[in-house]
C-alpha atoms as a PDB file:
ATOM      1  CA  MET A   1     -52.569 -23.783  80.802  1.00  0.00           C
ATOM      2  CA  THR A   2     -51.309 -22.916  77.378  1.00  0.00           C
ATOM      3  CA  THR A   3     -47.852 -21.689  76.503  1.00  0.00           C
ATOM      4  CA  SER A   4     -47.301 -19.457  73.529  1.00  0.00           C
ATOM      5  CA  LEU A   5     -44.157 -20.346  71.658  1.00  0.00           C
ATOM      6  CA  ARG A   6     -42.274 -17.406  70.253  1.00  0.00           C
ATOM      7  CA  THR A   7     -40.277 -18.110  67.175  1.00  0.00           C
ATOM      8  CA  SER A   8     -37.610 -16.030  65.579  1.00  0.00           C
ATOM      9  CA  PRO A   9     -38.796 -13.926  62.631  1.00  0.00           C
ATOM     10  CA  THR A  10     -36.107 -15.501  60.511  1.00  0.00           C
ATOM     11  CA  ALA A  11     -37.441 -18.962  61.229  1.00  0.00           C
ATOM     12  CA  HIS A  12     -40.327 -18.437  58.840  1.00  0.00           C
ATOM     13  CA  THR A  13     -38.238 -16.572  56.264  1.00  0.00           C
ATOM     14  CA  SER A  14     -38.281 -18.504  53.049  1.00  0.00           C
ATOM     15  CA  PRO A  15     -35.050 -19.240  51.133  1.00  0.00           C
ATOM     16  CA  VAL A  16     -36.299 -17.005  48.306  1.00  0.00           C
ATOM     17  CA  THR A  17     -36.669 -14.049  50.688  1.00  0.00           C
ATOM     18  CA  ARG A  18     -33.234 -14.597  52.164  1.00  0.00           C
ATOM     19  CA  TRP A  19     -31.750 -14.801  48.657  1.00  0.00           C
ATOM     20  CA  ARG A  20     -33.457 -11.534  47.699  1.00  0.00           C
ATOM     21  CA  ARG A  21     -32.076  -9.774  50.777  1.00  0.00           C
ATOM     22  CA  ARG A  22     -28.593 -11.021  50.046  1.00  0.00           C
ATOM     23  CA  PHE A  23     -28.932  -9.993  46.409  1.00  0.00           C
ATOM     24  CA  HIS A  24     -30.054  -6.473  47.340  1.00  0.00           C
ATOM     25  CA  SER A  25     -27.215  -6.200  49.870  1.00  0.00           C
ATOM     26  CA  GLU A  26     -24.601  -7.226  47.298  1.00  0.00           C
ATOM     27  CA  SER A  27     -26.200  -4.961  44.710  1.00  0.00           C
ATOM     28  CA  ALA A  28     -26.029  -2.005  47.090  1.00  0.00           C
ATOM     29  CA  ALA A  29     -22.346  -2.718  47.779  1.00  0.00           C
ATOM     30  CA  PHE A  30     -21.678  -2.966  44.053  1.00  0.00           C
ATOM     31  CA  TRP A  31     -23.224   0.424  43.303  1.00  0.00           C
ATOM     32  CA  LEU A  32     -21.511   1.930  46.343  1.00  0.00           C
ATOM     33  CA  PHE A  33     -18.049   0.941  45.128  1.00  0.00           C
ATOM     34  CA  LEU A  34     -18.912   1.880  41.555  1.00  0.00           C
ATOM     35  CA  SER A  35     -20.309   5.292  42.437  1.00  0.00           C
ATOM     36  CA  PRO A  36     -16.960   7.215  42.453  1.00  0.00           C
ATOM     37  CA  TRP A  37     -16.258   6.056  38.900  1.00  0.00           C
ATOM     38  CA  LEU A  38     -19.808   6.884  37.799  1.00  0.00           C
ATOM     39  CA  LEU A  39     -19.571  10.349  39.338  1.00  0.00           C
ATOM     40  CA  GLY A  40     -16.262  10.919  37.575  1.00  0.00           C
ATOM     41  CA  LEU A  41     -17.671   9.659  34.278  1.00  0.00           C
ATOM     42  CA  VAL A  42     -20.751  11.875  34.436  1.00  0.00           C
ATOM     43  CA  GLY A  43     -19.116  14.922  35.981  1.00  0.00           C
ATOM     44  CA  LEU A  44     -15.755  14.908  34.211  1.00  0.00           C
ATOM     45  CA  THR A  45     -16.476  13.183  30.884  1.00  0.00           C
ATOM     46  CA  LEU A  46     -20.097  12.938  29.767  1.00  0.00           C
ATOM     47  CA  GLY A  47     -21.137  16.280  31.253  1.00  0.00           C
ATOM     48  CA  PRO A  48     -18.364  18.320  29.590  1.00  0.00           C
ATOM     49  CA  MET A  49     -18.866  16.411  26.330  1.00  0.00           C
ATOM     50  CA  LEU A  50     -22.569  17.243  26.203  1.00  0.00           C
ATOM     51  CA  PHE A  51     -21.898  20.855  27.093  1.00  0.00           C
ATOM     52  CA  SER A  52     -19.226  21.113  24.398  1.00  0.00           C
ATOM     53  CA  LEU A  53     -21.725  19.683  21.924  1.00  0.00           C
ATOM     54  CA  TYR A  54     -24.093  22.514  22.784  1.00  0.00           C
ATOM     55  CA  ALA A  55     -21.250  25.044  22.656  1.00  0.00           C
ATOM     56  CA  ALA A  56     -20.359  23.835  19.152  1.00  0.00           C
ATOM     57  CA  PHE A  57     -23.585  25.433  17.912  1.00  0.00           C
ATOM     58  CA  THR A  58     -22.934  28.754  19.622  1.00  0.00           C
ATOM     59  CA  ARG A  59     -20.737  31.815  19.406  1.00  0.00           C
ATOM     60  CA  TRP A  60     -19.066  31.874  22.803  1.00  0.00           C
ATOM     61  CA  ASP A  61     -15.905  33.407  24.191  1.00  0.00           C
ATOM     62  CA  GLY A  62     -15.911  31.356  27.396  1.00  0.00           C
ATOM     63  CA  VAL A  63     -16.941  34.321  29.568  1.00  0.00           C
ATOM     64  CA  ASN A  64     -20.149  35.876  28.297  1.00  0.00           C
ATOM     65  CA  SER A  65     -23.385  34.032  27.631  1.00  0.00           C
ATOM     66  CA  PRO A  66     -23.229  31.793  24.533  1.00  0.00           C
ATOM     67  CA  GLU A  67     -25.238  32.857  21.478  1.00  0.00           C
ATOM     68  CA  PHE A  68     -26.874  30.060  19.498  1.00  0.00           C
ATOM     69  CA  ILE A  69     -25.891  30.242  15.806  1.00  0.00           C
ATOM     70  CA  GLY A  70     -26.820  26.776  14.534  1.00  0.00           C
ATOM     71  CA  LEU A  71     -24.449  25.198  12.014  1.00  0.00           C
ATOM     72  CA  ALA A  72     -22.500  28.392  11.306  1.00  0.00           C
ATOM     73  CA  ASN A  73     -19.331  27.114  13.012  1.00  0.00           C
ATOM     74  CA  PHE A  74     -19.316  23.954  10.927  1.00  0.00           C
ATOM     75  CA  ARG A  75     -19.915  25.881   7.700  1.00  0.00           C
ATOM     76  CA  VAL A  76     -16.887  28.027   8.459  1.00  0.00           C
ATOM     77  CA  ILE A  77     -14.784  24.970   9.298  1.00  0.00           C
ATOM     78  CA  PHE A  78     -15.400  23.190   6.012  1.00  0.00           C
ATOM     79  CA  THR A  79     -15.663  26.160   3.639  1.00  0.00           C
ATOM     80  CA  SER A  80     -13.618  29.181   4.682  1.00  0.00           C
ATOM     81  CA  ASP A  81     -11.196  28.281   7.497  1.00  0.00           C
ATOM     82  CA  PRO A  82      -7.646  28.521   6.087  1.00  0.00           C
ATOM     83  CA  ASP A  83      -6.117  26.457   8.913  1.00  0.00           C
ATOM     84  CA  PHE A  84      -8.505  23.510   9.116  1.00  0.00           C
ATOM     85  CA  TRP A  85      -7.417  21.374   6.168  1.00  0.00           C
ATOM     86  CA  PRO A  86      -3.656  22.117   6.416  1.00  0.00           C
ATOM     87  CA  SER A  87      -3.590  21.305  10.142  1.00  0.00           C
ATOM     88  CA  PHE A  88      -5.494  18.086   9.557  1.00  0.00           C
ATOM     89  CA  GLY A  89      -3.143  17.161   6.734  1.00  0.00           C
ATOM     90  CA  ARG A  90      -0.079  17.649   8.938  1.00  0.00           C
ATOM     91  CA  THR A  91      -1.716  15.644  11.723  1.00  0.00           C
ATOM     92  CA  PHE A  92      -2.506  12.733   9.415  1.00  0.00           C
ATOM     93  CA  ALA A  93       1.029  12.753   8.008  1.00  0.00           C
ATOM     94  CA  TYR A  94       2.474  12.661  11.512  1.00  0.00           C
ATOM     95  CA  ALA A  95       0.012  10.025  12.725  1.00  0.00           C
ATOM     96  CA  GLY A  96       0.593   7.751   9.738  1.00  0.00           C
ATOM     97  CA  ALA A  97       4.362   7.805  10.122  1.00  0.00           C
ATOM     98  CA  ARG A  98       4.198   7.431  13.890  1.00  0.00           C
ATOM     99  CA  VAL A  99       1.772   4.497  13.865  1.00  0.00           C
ATOM    100  CA  VAL A 100       3.467   2.554  11.061  1.00  0.00           C
ATOM    101  CA  LEU A 101       7.032   3.000  12.319  1.00  0.00           C
ATOM    102  CA  GLY A 102       6.038   2.610  15.968  1.00  0.00           C
ATOM    103  CA  THR A 103       4.130  -0.630  15.321  1.00  0.00           C
ATOM    104  CA  VAL A 104       6.968  -2.139  13.277  1.00  0.00           C
ATOM    105  CA  LEU A 105       9.573  -1.142  15.860  1.00  0.00           C
ATOM    106  CA  ALA A 106       7.507  -2.424  18.801  1.00  0.00           C
ATOM    107  CA  LEU A 107       6.942  -5.752  17.042  1.00  0.00           C
ATOM    108  CA  ALA A 108      10.638  -6.086  16.185  1.00  0.00           C
ATOM    109  CA  LEU A 109      11.681  -5.348  19.774  1.00  0.00           C
ATOM    110  CA  ALA A 110       9.096  -7.783  21.148  1.00  0.00           C
ATOM    111  CA  ALA A 111      10.297 -10.517  18.799  1.00  0.00           C
ATOM    112  CA  MET A 112      13.877  -9.866  19.875  1.00  0.00           C
ATOM    113  CA  VAL A 113      13.261  -9.985  23.628  1.00  0.00           C
ATOM    114  CA  ASN A 114      11.025 -13.038  23.179  1.00  0.00           C
ATOM    115  CA  THR A 115      14.063 -15.079  22.158  1.00  0.00           C
ATOM    116  CA  ARG A 116      16.582 -16.593  24.532  1.00  0.00           C
ATOM    117  CA  ILE A 117      19.175 -13.880  24.201  1.00  0.00           C
ATOM    118  CA  PRO A 118      21.510 -13.126  27.107  1.00  0.00           C
ATOM    119  CA  GLY A 119      20.197 -10.340  29.316  1.00  0.00           C
ATOM    120  CA  ARG A 120      16.712 -10.279  27.797  1.00  0.00           C
ATOM    121  CA  THR A 121      15.213  -9.133  31.115  1.00  0.00           C
ATOM    122  CA  PHE A 122      17.561  -6.168  31.070  1.00  0.00           C
ATOM    123  CA  PHE A 123      16.615  -5.313  27.486  1.00  0.00           C
ATOM    124  CA  ARG A 124      12.911  -5.572  28.266  1.00  0.00           C
ATOM    125  CA  THR A 125      13.371  -3.046  31.058  1.00  0.00           C
ATOM    126  CA  VAL A 126      15.489  -0.713  28.935  1.00  0.00           C
ATOM    127  CA  PHE A 127      13.024  -0.744  26.036  1.00  0.00           C
ATOM    128  CA  PHE A 128      10.005  -0.225  28.283  1.00  0.00           C
ATOM    129  CA  LEU A 129      11.454   2.444  30.569  1.00  0.00           C
ATOM    130  CA  PRO A 130      11.195   5.415  28.135  1.00  0.00           C
ATOM    131  CA  SER A 131       7.442   4.881  27.811  1.00  0.00           C
ATOM    132  CA  ILE A 132       7.101   5.600  31.546  1.00  0.00           C
ATOM    133  CA  VAL A 133       9.058   8.863  31.476  1.00  0.00           C
ATOM    134  CA  THR A 134       6.758  11.057  29.385  1.00  0.00           C
ATOM    135  CA  GLY A 135       5.730  14.682  29.246  1.00  0.00           C
ATOM    136  CA  VAL A 136       7.798  17.807  29.767  1.00  0.00           C
ATOM    137  CA  PRO A 137      10.970  16.140  31.154  1.00  0.00           C
ATOM    138  CA  LEU A 138      11.211  13.921  28.086  1.00  0.00           C
ATOM    139  CA  PHE A 139      10.588  16.854  25.735  1.00  0.00           C
ATOM    140  CA  VAL A 140      13.317  18.918  27.397  1.00  0.00           C
ATOM    141  CA  VAL A 141      15.814  16.082  26.939  1.00  0.00           C
ATOM    142  CA  TRP A 142      14.893  15.743  23.283  1.00  0.00           C
ATOM    143  CA  LEU A 143      15.143  19.493  22.760  1.00  0.00           C
ATOM    144  CA  TRP A 144      18.763  19.220  23.829  1.00  0.00           C
ATOM    145  CA  MET A 145      19.317  16.140  21.650  1.00  0.00           C
ATOM    146  CA  PHE A 146      17.835  17.911  18.610  1.00  0.00           C
ATOM    147  CA  ASP A 147      19.991  21.017  19.075  1.00  0.00           C
ATOM    148  CA  PRO A 148      21.744  21.511  15.700  1.00  0.00           C
ATOM    149  CA  THR A 149      25.023  22.702  17.245  1.00  0.00           C
ATOM    150  CA  ALA A 150      25.325  21.067  20.677  1.00  0.00           C
ATOM    151  CA  GLY A 151      22.888  18.162  20.345  1.00  0.00           C
ATOM    152  CA  VAL A 152      23.977  14.563  20.717  1.00  0.00           C
ATOM    153  CA  LEU A 153      22.272  13.432  17.500  1.00  0.00           C
ATOM    154  CA  ASN A 154      24.244  15.749  15.227  1.00  0.00           C
ATOM    155  CA  TYR A 155      27.375  14.964  17.225  1.00  0.00           C
ATOM    156  CA  LEU A 156      26.960  11.242  16.532  1.00  0.00           C
ATOM    157  CA  LEU A 157      26.129  11.887  12.888  1.00  0.00           C
ATOM    158  CA  GLY A 158      29.230  14.023  12.588  1.00  0.00           C
ATOM    159  CA  LYS A 159      31.345  11.101  13.863  1.00  0.00           C
ATOM    160  CA  VAL A 160      30.338   9.108  10.766  1.00  0.00           C
ATOM    161  CA  GLY A 161      30.810  12.023   8.378  1.00  0.00           C
ATOM    162  CA  ILE A 162      27.162  13.118   8.098  1.00  0.00           C
ATOM    163  CA  ASP A 163      26.213  16.759   8.417  1.00  0.00           C
ATOM    164  CA  GLY A 164      23.167  16.661  10.675  1.00  0.00           C
ATOM    165  CA  PRO A 165      20.040  18.693   9.847  1.00  0.00           C
ATOM    166  CA  ASP A 166      18.580  21.548  11.864  1.00  0.00           C
ATOM    167  CA  TRP A 167      15.846  19.190  13.128  1.00  0.00           C
ATOM    168  CA  LEU A 168      13.213  21.285  14.930  1.00  0.00           C
ATOM    169  CA  ALA A 169      14.478  24.502  13.323  1.00  0.00           C
ATOM    170  CA  SER A 170      13.819  23.133   9.832  1.00  0.00           C
ATOM    171  CA  SER A 171      10.362  22.974   8.260  1.00  0.00           C
ATOM    172  CA  THR A 172      11.507  19.848   6.402  1.00  0.00           C
ATOM    173  CA  TRP A 173      12.835  17.952   9.401  1.00  0.00           C
ATOM    174  CA  ALA A 174      10.487  19.101  12.185  1.00  0.00           C
ATOM    175  CA  ILE A 175       7.819  16.420  11.682  1.00  0.00           C
ATOM    176  CA  PRO A 176      10.382  13.607  11.154  1.00  0.00           C
ATOM    177  CA  ALA A 177      12.064  14.755  14.371  1.00  0.00           C
ATOM    178  CA  LEU A 178       8.807  14.494  16.329  1.00  0.00           C
ATOM    179  CA  VAL A 179       8.127  11.082  14.791  1.00  0.00           C
ATOM    180  CA  LEU A 180      11.624   9.958  15.772  1.00  0.00           C
ATOM    181  CA  MET A 181      11.032  11.140  19.319  1.00  0.00           C
ATOM    182  CA  SER A 182       7.716   9.271  19.497  1.00  0.00           C
ATOM    183  CA  LEU A 183       9.472   5.981  18.719  1.00  0.00           C
ATOM    184  CA  THR A 184      11.063   6.015  22.158  1.00  0.00           C
ATOM    185  CA  ALA A 185       7.597   5.508  23.684  1.00  0.00           C
ATOM    186  CA  THR A 186       6.923   2.162  21.968  1.00  0.00           C
ATOM    187  CA  GLY A 187       7.617   0.214  25.157  1.00  0.00           C
ATOM    188  CA  GLY A 188       3.936  -0.161  26.002  1.00  0.00           C
ATOM    189  CA  ALA A 189       3.123  -1.595  22.575  1.00  0.00           C
ATOM    190  CA  MET A 190       6.192  -3.833  22.845  1.00  0.00           C
ATOM    191  CA  ILE A 191       4.903  -5.349  26.096  1.00  0.00           C
ATOM    192  CA  ILE A 192       1.516  -6.042  24.483  1.00  0.00           C
ATOM    193  CA  PHE A 193       3.208  -7.654  21.490  1.00  0.00           C
ATOM    194  CA  LEU A 194       5.377  -9.704  23.829  1.00  0.00           C
ATOM    195  CA  ALA A 195       2.294 -11.025  25.607  1.00  0.00           C
ATOM    196  CA  GLY A 196       0.776 -11.900  22.243  1.00  0.00           C
ATOM    197  CA  LEU A 197       3.920 -13.689  21.097  1.00  0.00           C
ATOM    198  CA  GLN A 198       4.025 -15.766  24.255  1.00  0.00           C
ATOM    199  CA  GLY A 199       0.403 -16.757  23.691  1.00  0.00           C
ATOM    200  CA  ILE A 200       1.095 -18.349  20.299  1.00  0.00           C
ATOM    201  CA  PRO A 201       1.163 -22.163  20.597  1.00  0.00           C
ATOM    202  CA  THR A 202       4.673 -23.508  20.127  1.00  0.00           C
ATOM    203  CA  GLU A 203       3.242 -26.571  18.346  1.00  0.00           C
ATOM    204  CA  LEU A 204       2.430 -24.452  15.292  1.00  0.00           C
ATOM    205  CA  LYS A 205       5.971 -23.091  15.056  1.00  0.00           C
ATOM    206  CA  GLU A 206       7.418 -26.571  15.551  1.00  0.00           C
ATOM    207  CA  ALA A 207       5.191 -27.951  12.808  1.00  0.00           C
ATOM    208  CA  ALA A 208       6.347 -25.221  10.444  1.00  0.00           C
ATOM    209  CA  THR A 209       9.958 -25.984  11.332  1.00  0.00           C
ATOM    210  CA  VAL A 210       9.414 -29.684  10.563  1.00  0.00           C
ATOM    211  CA  ASP A 211       8.009 -28.669   7.176  1.00  0.00           C
ATOM    212  CA  GLY A 212      11.267 -26.864   6.457  1.00  0.00           C
ATOM    213  CA  ALA A 213      10.177 -23.283   7.041  1.00  0.00           C
ATOM    214  CA  GLY A 214      12.907 -20.821   7.981  1.00  0.00           C
ATOM    215  CA  TRP A 215      12.610 -18.170  10.680  1.00  0.00           C
ATOM    216  CA  TRP A 216      11.297 -15.530   8.270  1.00  0.00           C
ATOM    217  CA  SER A 217       8.761 -17.893   6.758  1.00  0.00           C
ATOM    218  CA  ARG A 218       7.591 -18.911  10.247  1.00  0.00           C
ATOM    219  CA  PHE A 219       7.341 -15.287  11.301  1.00  0.00           C
ATOM    220  CA  ARG A 220       5.439 -14.202   8.180  1.00  0.00           C
ATOM    221  CA  ASN A 221       3.115 -17.179   7.801  1.00  0.00           C
ATOM    222  CA  VAL A 222       2.564 -18.278  11.409  1.00  0.00           C
ATOM    223  CA  THR A 223       3.466 -15.511  13.857  1.00  0.00           C
ATOM    224  CA  VAL A 224       2.038 -12.474  12.074  1.00  0.00           C
ATOM    225  CA  PRO A 225      -1.390 -14.011  11.236  1.00  0.00           C
ATOM    226  CA  LEU A 226      -1.841 -15.253  14.805  1.00  0.00           C
ATOM    227  CA  LEU A 227      -0.610 -11.917  16.150  1.00  0.00           C
ATOM    228  CA  SER A 228      -2.936  -9.898  13.894  1.00  0.00           C
ATOM    229  CA  PRO A 229      -5.509  -9.160  16.666  1.00  0.00           C
ATOM    230  CA  VAL A 230      -2.724  -7.664  18.787  1.00  0.00           C
ATOM    231  CA  ILE A 231      -1.433  -5.696  15.795  1.00  0.00           C
ATOM    232  CA  LEU A 232      -4.940  -4.355  15.209  1.00  0.00           C
ATOM    233  CA  PHE A 233      -5.257  -3.296  18.855  1.00  0.00           C
ATOM    234  CA  ASN A 234      -1.915  -1.474  18.871  1.00  0.00           C
ATOM    235  CA  VAL A 235      -2.657   0.228  15.548  1.00  0.00           C
ATOM    236  CA  ILE A 236      -6.026   1.547  16.733  1.00  0.00           C
ATOM    237  CA  ILE A 237      -4.711   2.732  20.107  1.00  0.00           C
ATOM    238  CA  GLY A 238      -1.687   4.324  18.439  1.00  0.00           C
ATOM    239  CA  LEU A 239      -3.822   6.005  15.804  1.00  0.00           C
ATOM    240  CA  ILE A 240      -6.213   7.490  18.358  1.00  0.00           C
ATOM    241  CA  GLY A 241      -3.315   8.865  20.381  1.00  0.00           C
ATOM    242  CA  ALA A 242      -1.365  10.181  17.382  1.00  0.00           C
ATOM    243  CA  LEU A 243      -4.354  12.059  15.945  1.00  0.00           C
ATOM    244  CA  GLN A 244      -4.666  13.923  19.255  1.00  0.00           C
ATOM    245  CA  VAL A 245      -1.011  15.007  19.387  1.00  0.00           C
ATOM    246  CA  PHE A 246      -0.673  18.296  21.228  1.00  0.00           C
ATOM    247  CA  ALA A 247       1.969  18.437  23.974  1.00  0.00           C
ATOM    248  CA  GLU A 248       4.941  17.753  21.697  1.00  0.00           C
ATOM    249  CA  PRO A 249       4.414  20.645  19.264  1.00  0.00           C
ATOM    250  CA  PHE A 250       3.100  22.921  22.004  1.00  0.00           C
ATOM    251  CA  ILE A 251       6.255  22.598  24.102  1.00  0.00           C
ATOM    252  CA  MET A 252       8.937  21.869  21.535  1.00  0.00           C
ATOM    253  CA  THR A 253       8.064  23.899  18.430  1.00  0.00           C
ATOM    254  CA  GLY A 254       5.003  26.057  19.144  1.00  0.00           C
ATOM    255  CA  GLY A 255       3.695  24.999  15.741  1.00  0.00           C
ATOM    256  CA  GLY A 256       6.781  26.167  13.849  1.00  0.00           C
ATOM    257  CA  PRO A 257       8.956  26.541  11.998  1.00  0.00           C
ATOM    258  CA  GLU A 258       6.783  28.071   9.290  1.00  0.00           C
ATOM    259  CA  ARG A 259       3.723  26.309  10.812  1.00  0.00           C
ATOM    260  CA  SER A 260       5.149  22.943   9.731  1.00  0.00           C
ATOM    261  CA  THR A 261       4.122  21.377  13.076  1.00  0.00           C
ATOM    262  CA  TYR A 262       0.917  23.336  13.521  1.00  0.00           C
ATOM    263  CA  PHE A 263      -1.140  20.213  14.180  1.00  0.00           C
ATOM    264  CA  PHE A 264      -4.877  20.061  14.700  1.00  0.00           C
ATOM    265  CA  GLY A 265      -4.636  19.773  18.479  1.00  0.00           C
ATOM    266  CA  LEU A 266      -2.528  22.914  18.705  1.00  0.00           C
ATOM    267  CA  TYR A 267      -4.862  24.715  16.309  1.00  0.00           C
ATOM    268  CA  LEU A 268      -7.867  23.756  18.450  1.00  0.00           C
ATOM    269  CA  TYR A 269      -6.101  24.910  21.617  1.00  0.00           C
ATOM    270  CA  ASN A 270      -5.219  28.291  20.134  1.00  0.00           C
ATOM    271  CA  GLU A 271      -8.774  28.876  18.962  1.00  0.00           C
ATOM    272  CA  ALA A 272     -10.147  28.155  22.444  1.00  0.00           C
ATOM    273  CA  PHE A 273      -7.598  29.725  24.775  1.00  0.00           C
ATOM    274  CA  TRP A 274      -5.630  32.188  22.660  1.00  0.00           C
ATOM    275  CA  TYR A 275      -8.366  33.670  20.482  1.00  0.00           C
ATOM    276  CA  SER A 276     -11.244  32.952  22.935  1.00  0.00           C
ATOM    277  CA  ASN A 277     -13.345  31.225  20.258  1.00  0.00           C
ATOM    278  CA  VAL A 278     -14.557  28.532  22.625  1.00  0.00           C
ATOM    279  CA  GLY A 279     -17.707  27.773  20.640  1.00  0.00           C
ATOM    280  CA  TYR A 280     -15.723  27.404  17.432  1.00  0.00           C
ATOM    281  CA  ALA A 281     -13.104  25.270  19.202  1.00  0.00           C
ATOM    282  CA  SER A 282     -15.885  23.007  20.502  1.00  0.00           C
ATOM    283  CA  ALA A 283     -17.044  22.480  16.931  1.00  0.00           C
ATOM    284  CA  LEU A 284     -13.466  21.631  15.932  1.00  0.00           C
ATOM    285  CA  ALA A 285     -13.230  19.152  18.806  1.00  0.00           C
ATOM    286  CA  TRP A 286     -16.387  17.363  17.681  1.00  0.00           C
ATOM    287  CA  VAL A 287     -15.128  17.207  14.110  1.00  0.00           C
ATOM    288  CA  GLN A 288     -11.925  15.647  15.414  1.00  0.00           C
ATOM    289  CA  PHE A 289     -13.934  13.193  17.524  1.00  0.00           C
ATOM    290  CA  LEU A 290     -16.090  12.127  14.577  1.00  0.00           C
ATOM    291  CA  VAL A 291     -13.065  11.734  12.309  1.00  0.00           C
ATOM    292  CA  ILE A 292     -11.385   9.467  14.870  1.00  0.00           C
ATOM    293  CA  VAL A 293     -14.575   7.413  15.308  1.00  0.00           C
ATOM    294  CA  LEU A 294     -15.080   7.014  11.543  1.00  0.00           C
ATOM    295  CA  LEU A 295     -11.439   6.196  10.963  1.00  0.00           C
ATOM    296  CA  THR A 296     -11.474   3.592  13.741  1.00  0.00           C
ATOM    297  CA  ALA A 297     -14.636   2.048  12.267  1.00  0.00           C
ATOM    298  CA  ALA A 298     -12.978   1.945   8.833  1.00  0.00           C
ATOM    299  CA  VAL A 299      -9.899   0.201  10.247  1.00  0.00           C
ATOM    300  CA  LEU A 300     -12.081  -2.350  12.043  1.00  0.00           C
ATOM    301  CA  ARG A 301     -14.065  -3.009   8.880  1.00  0.00           C
ATOM    302  CA  PHE A 302     -10.913  -3.379   6.798  1.00  0.00           C
ATOM    303  CA  SER A 303      -9.462  -5.764   9.372  1.00  0.00           C
ATOM    304  CA  ARG A 304     -12.228  -8.341   9.019  1.00  0.00           C
ATOM    305  CA  ARG A 305     -10.428 -10.089   6.171  1.00  0.00           C
ATOM    306  CA  HIS A 306      -6.936  -9.639   7.539  1.00  0.00           C
ATOM    307  CA  VAL A 307      -7.256 -10.390  11.257  1.00  0.00           C
ATOM    308  CA  HIS A 308      -7.246 -14.037  12.293  1.00  0.00           C
ATOM    309  CA  TYR A 309      -8.391 -15.127  15.725  1.00  0.00           C
ATOM    310  CA  LEU A 310      -7.024 -18.352  17.149  1.00  0.00           C
ATOM    311  CA  GLY A 311      -9.750 -20.990  17.300  1.00  0.00           C
ATOM    312  CA  SER A 312     -12.179 -19.135  14.996  1.00  0.00           C
END
């Protein structure tokens, strides 16, 4: 009498097979959790970008069927559009001032709160808090502060004998006013600088101190070179954001006075939603995108000789 022995199917499963099953199971879980982000990327970013690229070569009002016209939109942009170059010039002027002043201020604040001053935790919170409160509420507060007759800025200037300007009502002071307002949102860059400062080895600063270097010499010759990767990061992020400025002039000035704050983002918006030139606005958006990409590449190339990475 013979007895047939039944064995479990997994008894003869090789380790390689079990590893493959586990790998496929983990891979399926990975793609499952990643799928919402992928759907958002394709549906809300890549899809609209590709469609806007097609629309850039069409005459389209956003309602009727688009009419393919080739490079006509781009020829108009670079040859006969009276608003393209002036709006870009204003945007670059604003972005340059905002990035330079914002980076210097954020670095100065980070250096200050990185020292052992009394209440540094309080100051870190105070400096960072305005970067959280953004958008329309912040703009409304600044509209009141910039008021030439009842605003707090001109009131404080009057206390020291200075006749304050008209700020947003002046074509001369409108852009400086928006740059000044943007400096209140340097808290995010300050936190990044603070993290970079705390990552600098104290041995290097101590060695410089032993060699007789003062605080400015240590800051210029030790801190800044080692902090240069963080400076580069903040400059690039700030530049990308500043070149896309839109909400501030849209809400606070409407592009005025005398079109002094008619930046490229506002110009693009008006072409798309005010004049219904969606195809032309798509071409403007791609020009803006390419300018930002080329400018970022130029900054990265320029930084090769000026950015020093610790340990390299």
